[in-house]
Amino acid sequence: MDLLPHQVLRYLQLGLEEVFDSKSPWLCATCFSCETECPRGIDVSKVCEALRNIELRKDSRELKIDEFSPQIPQQGLVSAFRKLTSY
């Protein structure tokens, strides 16, 4: 990960857009080890999932599978399509 979990959260607190250029949200394995170690009990895996969804849906509320790059990790696509009906 190029940004540690606490750095991702700090970037978000400061409103820094660089967090969207980071690979960290895409590399999050949703293992919840960050949450268990976090002294504030923040669910970092959900934050990373939200960042993936924001990035995938930045131009539209709909996902079009034929427009995606093959470099997007499967985890990001699965979580985004799982939440496709959440709107």
Protein backbone atom coordinates (compact mmCIF):
# COMPACT_ATOMS: atom_id res chain seq x y z
CA MET A 1 0.00 0.00 0.00
CA ASP A 2 1.33 3.41 -0.86
CA LEU A 3 -0.72 5.06 1.91
CA LEU A 4 -1.22 3.51 5.32
CA PRO A 5 -4.78 3.36 6.68
CA HIS A 6 -4.26 6.32 9.01
CA GLN A 7 -2.85 8.32 6.11
CA VAL A 8 -5.91 7.58 3.96
CA LEU A 9 -8.16 8.85 6.73
CA ARG A 10 -6.03 11.94 7.28
CA TYR A 11 -6.06 12.77 3.57
CA LEU A 12 -9.84 12.52 3.65
CA GLN A 13 -10.05 14.72 6.74
CA LEU A 14 -7.95 17.35 4.98
CA GLY A 15 -9.97 17.04 1.77
CA LEU A 16 -6.93 16.05 -0.27
CA GLU A 17 -7.86 14.60 -3.66
CA GLU A 18 -4.56 12.65 -3.79
CA VAL A 19 -6.27 9.83 -1.92
CA PHE A 20 -8.09 8.98 -5.16
CA ASP A 21 -4.76 8.64 -6.98
CA SER A 22 -3.54 6.20 -4.34
CA LYS A 23 -3.47 2.45 -4.84
CA SER A 24 -4.31 1.77 -1.20
CA PRO A 25 -8.13 1.65 -1.54
CA TRP A 26 -7.74 -0.84 -4.39
CA LEU A 27 -5.31 -3.02 -2.43
CA CYS A 28 -7.46 -3.23 0.69
CA ALA A 29 -8.34 -6.88 1.20
CA THR A 30 -11.20 -6.09 3.61
CA CYS A 31 -9.58 -8.25 6.28
CA PHE A 32 -10.67 -5.87 9.07
CA SER A 33 -7.25 -5.97 10.75
CA CYS A 34 -7.11 -2.16 10.53
CA GLU A 35 -10.40 -1.89 12.36
CA THR A 36 -9.28 -4.18 15.17
CA GLU A 37 -6.06 -2.20 15.60
CA CYS A 38 -7.67 1.24 15.30
CA PRO A 39 -7.88 2.97 18.69
CA ARG A 40 -10.99 4.86 17.49
CA GLY A 41 -12.73 1.79 16.05
CA ILE A 42 -12.95 3.22 12.53
CA ASP A 43 -13.96 0.69 9.89
CA VAL A 44 -11.20 1.47 7.39
CA SER A 45 -12.28 -1.32 5.04
CA LYS A 46 -15.66 0.38 4.53
CA VAL A 47 -13.89 3.67 3.90
CA CYS A 48 -11.75 1.99 1.21
CA GLU A 49 -14.84 0.40 -0.31
CA ALA A 50 -16.53 3.78 -0.42
CA LEU A 51 -13.47 5.31 -2.09
CA ARG A 52 -13.52 2.58 -4.74
CA ASN A 53 -17.21 3.21 -5.40
CA ILE A 54 -16.71 6.96 -5.63
CA GLU A 55 -13.89 6.49 -8.12
CA LEU A 56 -15.83 4.00 -10.23
CA ARG A 57 -18.96 6.17 -10.28
CA LYS A 58 -17.38 9.62 -10.55
CA ASP A 59 -18.88 10.38 -13.95
CA SER A 60 -22.19 8.61 -13.58
CA ARG A 61 -24.46 6.82 -11.14
CA GLU A 62 -24.48 3.83 -13.47
CA LEU A 63 -21.69 1.37 -14.07
CA LYS A 64 -21.06 0.25 -17.61
CA ILE A 65 -18.91 -2.87 -17.66
CA ASP A 66 -17.75 -2.41 -21.24
CA GLU A 67 -16.13 0.95 -20.37
CA PHE A 68 -13.85 -0.35 -17.60
CA SER A 69 -10.15 -0.89 -17.90
CA PRO A 70 -8.97 -4.47 -17.33
CA GLN A 71 -6.56 -3.05 -14.73
CA ILE A 72 -9.35 -2.40 -12.20
CA PRO A 73 -9.13 -5.08 -9.51
CA GLN A 74 -12.01 -7.54 -9.35
CA GLN A 75 -12.72 -6.65 -5.72
CA GLY A 76 -13.52 -3.08 -6.70
CA LEU A 77 -15.86 -4.17 -9.46
CA VAL A 78 -17.63 -6.73 -7.29
CA SER A 79 -18.26 -4.27 -4.48
CA ALA A 80 -19.39 -1.58 -6.93
CA PHE A 81 -21.84 -3.87 -8.71
CA ARG A 82 -23.08 -5.24 -5.41
CA LYS A 83 -24.05 -1.72 -4.44
CA LEU A 84 -25.42 -0.92 -7.89
CA THR A 85 -28.97 -1.27 -6.64
CA SER A 86 -28.37 0.78 -3.50
CA TYR A 87 -29.50 4.04 -5.10
